[in-house]
Amino acid sequence: MRFVTFFFSGTGNTWWAVREFTEIASTNGHDAEMCSIENDQIKDFSILSELLEKSDAIGFAYPIYGANLPPIMREFITKVKRISENLNKLRQKYCFIITTIGYVNGYGPYKIKKILRSIGLKLKAHINLRLTNNVSTPGLKINPIPHKKLVKRKKKSIKKLDKFYGKIIKNKKRIRGIGPWLVPGMLIRRITAPKMNLNYQRLSINLDTCNNCEICINNCPTNSIIRIDNKITFKEGCTGCYRCYNFCPTHSILYKGKFADPLVYHRYHGPIDNLNLNNIKQ
């Protein structure tokens, strides 16, 4: 069986989950591939089309932002839709979803199921992996969980992924993420969705502490951070991943013009030690 999982990961949680799933499938003798939607090769229609055609199981993986699908993943699925109009075999594929969450998945399987149906894919498996919140700001102070607790959640997630994989190879349906939390999720989406498009307006740079390393510019998944007249500027298109905020070495990213003391608002540097940001973009 050949697997391909297209993923977006803001600060590493989803990348880690897909890496573990891919390793489980590969260890069991299957051809498994993970592809970041940021990868330039995936942006090539011919390469993307070939991946979709030759795979038996097609997966999409992403973090939940404000009980919603990250805009960058929504755009990618729209791109797949344009390709799928010429691929009549997609309905025969096994389609699965992997999401990473800090608390609960307020987005759930229903909306993504509808979106996938529009591109010719039928959702057969859906799993949520609870890891940790990855953003703590002066607007909402929710620090990432302690390392020991994260290790326990990762172990639990690996067991869930192994069981998830077992259902897929047996061509069985396994939908998770249905519960009462989907109702407040609808309300949260109504509030956060419009704000997500304006997220870039909340962020700015403290020029007095910025060391011009350009980590924020080079790692923005939507190229929404640019330098104009020797000044770093945030523009429309921000997908709300907060890589720039979390990985700035001098903590120079301001939130609504406010400095977020890292001793108070802890920065999240991913689910593994010494995370290389290039890994989550490959």
Protein backbone atom coordinates (compact mmCIF):
# COMPACT_ATOMS: atom_id res chain seq x y z
CA MET A 1 0.00 0.00 0.00
CA ARG A 2 1.30 3.46 -0.86
CA PHE A 3 0.64 6.35 1.54
CA VAL A 4 1.10 10.07 0.98
CA THR A 5 0.36 12.62 3.70
CA PHE A 6 0.25 16.30 2.84
CA PHE A 7 0.84 18.36 5.95
CA PHE A 8 1.18 21.86 7.30
CA SER A 9 2.89 22.39 10.64
CA GLY A 10 3.32 25.78 12.26
CA THR A 11 5.73 24.94 15.06
CA GLY A 12 6.32 21.21 14.67
CA ASN A 13 3.46 19.31 16.34
CA THR A 14 1.80 18.18 13.12
CA TRP A 15 5.15 17.49 11.47
CA TRP A 16 6.04 15.21 14.40
CA ALA A 17 2.68 13.39 14.19
CA VAL A 18 3.02 12.78 10.46
CA ARG A 19 6.62 11.67 10.88
CA GLU A 20 5.52 9.08 13.45
CA PHE A 21 2.65 7.87 11.26
CA THR A 22 4.93 7.61 8.21
CA GLU A 23 7.48 5.64 10.23
CA ILE A 24 4.79 3.21 11.43
CA ALA A 25 3.65 2.58 7.86
CA SER A 26 7.21 2.25 6.55
CA THR A 27 8.27 -0.11 9.35
CA ASN A 28 5.37 -2.35 8.38
CA GLY A 29 6.61 -2.61 4.81
CA HIS A 30 4.52 0.05 3.09
CA ASP A 31 5.66 2.84 0.82
CA ALA A 32 4.92 5.98 2.85
CA GLU A 33 5.76 9.58 2.07
CA MET A 34 5.16 12.83 3.92
CA CYS A 35 5.03 16.10 1.99
CA SER A 36 4.93 19.59 3.43
CA ILE A 37 2.58 21.83 1.48
CA GLU A 38 5.30 24.49 1.79
CA ASN A 39 7.68 22.40 -0.30
CA ASP A 40 8.33 24.08 -3.65
CA GLN A 41 8.09 20.75 -5.49
CA ILE A 42 4.55 20.18 -4.22
CA LYS A 43 3.61 23.53 -5.72
CA ASP A 44 4.30 21.99 -9.13
CA PHE A 45 0.97 20.76 -10.51
CA SER A 46 2.52 17.86 -12.40
CA ILE A 47 4.36 16.52 -9.33
CA LEU A 48 1.29 16.94 -7.12
CA SER A 49 -0.89 15.23 -9.69
CA GLU A 50 1.52 12.29 -9.91
CA LEU A 51 1.56 11.88 -6.13
CA LEU A 52 -2.22 11.83 -5.97
CA GLU A 53 -2.51 9.33 -8.82
CA LYS A 54 0.01 6.77 -7.60
CA SER A 55 -1.05 6.76 -3.93
CA ASP A 56 -3.58 4.32 -2.47
CA ALA A 57 -4.16 6.32 0.71
CA ILE A 58 -4.14 10.12 0.72
CA GLY A 59 -3.88 12.06 3.96
CA PHE A 60 -4.07 15.68 5.02
CA ALA A 61 -2.62 16.79 8.35
CA TYR A 62 -2.82 20.16 10.05
CA PRO A 63 -3.08 21.92 13.42
CA ILE A 64 -6.41 23.38 14.55
CA TYR A 65 -6.33 27.18 14.79
CA GLY A 66 -9.28 28.82 16.54
CA ALA A 67 -11.52 25.78 15.92
CA ASN A 68 -10.75 26.13 12.24
CA LEU A 69 -8.67 24.92 9.33
CA PRO A 70 -5.46 26.95 8.82
CA PRO A 71 -5.93 29.22 5.78
CA ILE A 72 -2.79 27.82 4.14
CA MET A 73 -4.23 24.28 4.21
CA ARG A 74 -7.57 25.49 2.86
CA GLU A 75 -5.74 27.08 -0.06
CA PHE A 76 -3.81 23.87 -0.69
CA ILE A 77 -6.99 21.79 -0.79
CA THR A 78 -8.41 24.30 -3.27
CA LYS A 79 -5.36 23.65 -5.45
CA VAL A 80 -5.95 19.90 -5.20
CA LYS A 81 -9.53 20.54 -6.31
CA ARG A 82 -8.30 22.06 -9.56
CA ILE A 83 -6.20 18.97 -10.19
CA SER A 84 -8.88 16.52 -9.09
CA GLU A 85 -11.17 17.66 -11.88
CA ASN A 86 -8.85 15.73 -14.16
CA LEU A 87 -8.37 12.76 -11.82
CA ASN A 88 -11.43 10.53 -11.87
CA LYS A 89 -9.81 7.87 -9.72
CA LEU A 90 -9.67 9.93 -6.52
CA ARG A 91 -12.93 8.50 -5.18
CA GLN A 92 -11.30 5.08 -5.08
CA LYS A 93 -8.56 6.30 -2.73
CA TYR A 94 -8.58 5.88 1.04
CA CYS A 95 -8.66 9.40 2.48
CA PHE A 96 -7.60 10.23 6.04
CA ILE A 97 -7.10 13.27 8.27
CA ILE A 98 -4.62 13.79 11.13
CA THR A 99 -5.03 16.88 13.30
CA THR A 100 -3.02 18.16 16.24
CA ILE A 101 -4.72 20.12 18.98
CA GLY A 102 -3.99 21.82 22.28
CA TYR A 103 -7.32 21.02 23.87
CA VAL A 104 -10.14 19.68 21.65
CA ASN A 105 -10.81 19.77 17.94
CA GLY A 106 -13.62 22.29 17.65
CA TYR A 107 -13.42 21.99 13.86
CA GLY A 108 -14.26 18.29 13.79
CA PRO A 109 -14.69 15.90 10.85
CA TYR A 110 -17.90 17.24 9.32
CA LYS A 111 -16.65 20.41 7.62
CA ILE A 112 -13.46 18.82 6.33
CA LYS A 113 -15.51 15.87 5.09
CA LYS A 114 -17.62 18.26 3.03
CA ILE A 115 -14.57 20.06 1.66
CA LEU A 116 -12.90 16.78 0.68
CA ARG A 117 -16.06 15.57 -1.01
CA SER A 118 -15.93 18.65 -3.23
CA ILE A 119 -12.54 17.53 -4.59
CA GLY A 120 -13.61 13.93 -5.14
CA LEU A 121 -12.31 12.35 -1.94
CA LYS A 122 -14.37 10.46 0.61
CA LEU A 123 -13.16 10.80 4.18
CA LYS A 124 -12.74 7.39 5.79
CA ALA A 125 -10.55 8.09 8.82
CA HIS A 126 -10.11 11.08 11.12
CA ILE A 127 -7.91 11.31 14.22
CA ASN A 128 -7.10 14.05 16.74
CA LEU A 129 -3.84 14.10 18.66
CA ARG A 130 -3.73 16.25 21.76
CA LEU A 131 -0.25 17.63 22.28
CA THR A 132 0.04 21.21 23.54
CA ASN A 133 -0.97 24.79 22.94
CA ASN A 134 1.80 26.54 21.03
CA VAL A 135 1.02 30.23 21.45
CA SER A 136 0.97 32.33 24.61
CA THR A 137 0.57 36.07 24.14
CA PRO A 138 -0.49 39.15 26.11
CA GLY A 139 -3.86 38.64 24.43
CA LEU A 140 -4.24 35.09 25.72
CA LYS A 141 -1.74 33.71 28.22
CA ILE A 142 -1.83 29.91 27.83
CA ASN A 143 1.69 28.57 28.18
CA PRO A 144 2.73 25.24 26.62
CA ILE A 145 2.47 22.25 28.94
CA PRO A 146 5.58 21.03 30.85
CA HIS A 147 8.04 18.79 29.00
CA LYS A 148 7.22 15.65 31.04
CA LYS A 149 3.53 16.01 30.30
CA LEU A 150 4.24 16.49 26.61
CA VAL A 151 6.33 13.30 26.57
CA LYS A 152 3.36 11.37 28.00
CA ARG A 153 1.01 12.82 25.40
CA LYS A 154 3.43 11.94 22.62
CA LYS A 155 3.57 8.31 23.78
CA LYS A 156 -0.22 8.18 23.89
CA SER A 157 -0.39 9.74 20.43
CA ILE A 158 1.95 7.11 18.97
CA LYS A 159 -0.34 4.36 20.26
CA LYS A 160 -3.33 6.10 18.69
CA LEU A 161 -1.49 6.46 15.39
CA ASP A 162 -0.58 2.77 15.40
CA LYS A 163 -4.24 1.83 15.88
CA PHE A 164 -5.22 4.39 13.24
CA TYR A 165 -2.78 2.85 10.76
CA GLY A 166 -4.23 -0.60 11.49
CA LYS A 167 -7.69 0.55 10.43
CA ILE A 168 -6.41 2.11 7.23
CA ILE A 169 -4.59 -0.99 5.95
CA LYS A 170 -7.74 -3.02 6.61
CA ASN A 171 -9.73 -0.43 4.65
CA LYS A 172 -11.97 0.19 7.65
CA LYS A 173 -13.68 3.42 8.55
CA ARG A 174 -12.52 5.22 11.71
CA ILE A 175 -13.87 8.69 12.41
CA ARG A 176 -12.93 10.40 15.67
CA GLY A 177 -13.47 13.94 16.92
CA ILE A 178 -17.26 13.92 17.25
CA GLY A 179 -18.59 15.33 20.50
CA PRO A 180 -20.38 18.21 22.29
CA TRP A 181 -17.33 20.46 21.85
CA LEU A 182 -18.24 20.89 18.19
CA VAL A 183 -21.10 23.21 19.19
CA PRO A 184 -18.93 25.82 20.95
CA GLY A 185 -16.44 25.25 18.13
CA MET A 186 -18.99 26.73 15.71
CA LEU A 187 -19.27 29.85 17.88
CA ILE A 188 -15.51 30.15 18.25
CA ARG A 189 -15.08 29.94 14.46
CA ARG A 190 -17.50 32.79 13.91
CA ILE A 191 -15.41 34.95 16.19
CA THR A 192 -11.92 33.87 15.14
CA ALA A 193 -12.37 33.40 11.37
CA PRO A 194 -12.65 37.13 10.51
CA LYS A 195 -9.84 37.94 12.95
CA MET A 196 -7.56 35.32 11.37
CA ASN A 197 -7.45 37.34 8.15
CA LEU A 198 -6.34 40.37 10.14
CA ASN A 199 -3.82 38.49 12.26
CA TYR A 200 -0.89 40.22 10.58
CA GLN A 201 -2.07 43.53 12.04
CA ARG A 202 -1.39 42.27 15.58
CA LEU A 203 2.29 41.65 14.91
CA SER A 204 5.15 44.11 14.63
CA ILE A 205 8.89 44.34 15.25
CA ASN A 206 10.79 46.03 18.06
CA LEU A 207 13.55 47.59 15.99
CA ASP A 208 15.62 48.32 19.09
CA THR A 209 16.12 44.61 19.87
CA CYS A 210 15.83 43.05 16.39
CA ASN A 211 19.21 41.65 15.26
CA ASN A 212 18.18 41.40 11.58
CA CYS A 213 18.71 37.61 11.49
CA GLU A 214 15.63 37.33 9.21
CA ILE A 215 14.56 34.01 10.75
CA CYS A 216 11.01 35.37 10.67
CA ILE A 217 11.22 36.31 6.99
CA ASN A 218 12.88 33.09 5.87
CA ASN A 219 10.47 30.82 7.74
CA CYS A 220 7.12 32.48 7.17
CA PRO A 221 5.02 29.83 5.35
CA THR A 222 3.00 32.42 3.43
CA ASN A 223 5.80 34.94 2.76
CA SER A 224 3.83 37.50 4.74
CA ILE A 225 6.89 39.05 6.41
CA ILE A 226 8.98 41.26 4.17
CA ARG A 227 11.70 43.89 4.39
CA ILE A 228 10.90 47.30 2.92
CA ASP A 229 13.34 50.20 3.20
CA ASN A 230 15.38 48.23 5.74
CA LYS A 231 12.28 47.75 7.86
CA ILE A 232 10.52 44.43 8.52
CA THR A 233 6.81 44.56 7.77
CA PHE A 234 3.90 42.14 8.20
CA LYS A 235 1.38 41.95 5.38
CA GLU A 236 -1.84 40.15 4.48
CA GLY A 237 -1.77 36.38 4.06
CA CYS A 238 -0.61 35.43 7.57
CA THR A 239 -1.93 31.95 8.43
CA GLY A 240 -1.57 32.42 12.19
CA CYS A 241 1.15 29.83 12.88
CA TYR A 242 3.26 32.21 15.04
CA ARG A 243 6.57 30.69 13.97
CA CYS A 244 8.00 34.19 13.86
CA TYR A 245 6.83 34.94 17.40
CA ASN A 246 7.98 31.63 18.89
CA PHE A 247 11.37 31.32 17.20
CA CYS A 248 12.60 34.91 17.25
CA PRO A 249 15.94 34.62 19.14
CA THR A 250 15.66 38.13 20.60
CA HIS A 251 11.90 38.00 21.31
CA SER A 252 11.48 41.09 19.16
CA ILE A 253 8.07 40.19 17.75
CA LEU A 254 5.52 42.43 19.45
CA TYR A 255 1.89 41.44 19.96
CA LYS A 256 -0.46 44.40 19.53
CA GLY A 257 2.56 46.59 20.13
CA LYS A 258 3.35 44.92 23.46
CA PHE A 259 6.53 43.11 24.45
CA ALA A 260 5.77 39.56 25.60
CA ASP A 261 8.27 38.71 28.32
CA PRO A 262 9.39 35.10 27.57
CA LEU A 263 9.57 34.41 31.31
CA VAL A 264 5.84 35.10 31.48
CA TYR A 265 4.67 34.14 28.01
CA HIS A 266 6.65 31.01 27.20
CA ARG A 267 7.72 30.43 23.61
CA TYR A 268 7.09 27.00 22.11
CA HIS A 269 10.00 25.50 20.18
CA GLY A 270 8.38 22.29 19.01
CA PRO A 271 7.81 18.74 20.30
CA ILE A 272 11.46 17.67 20.01
CA ASP A 273 14.72 19.18 21.22
CA ASN A 274 16.68 21.31 18.75
CA LEU A 275 13.89 21.34 16.19
CA ASN A 276 15.15 22.37 12.76
CA LEU A 277 12.56 24.59 11.10
CA ASN A 278 13.71 23.33 7.71
CA ASN A 279 12.40 19.87 8.65
CA ILE A 280 8.82 21.03 8.96
CA LYS A 281 8.95 22.68 5.55
CA GLN A 282 10.20 19.66 3.57
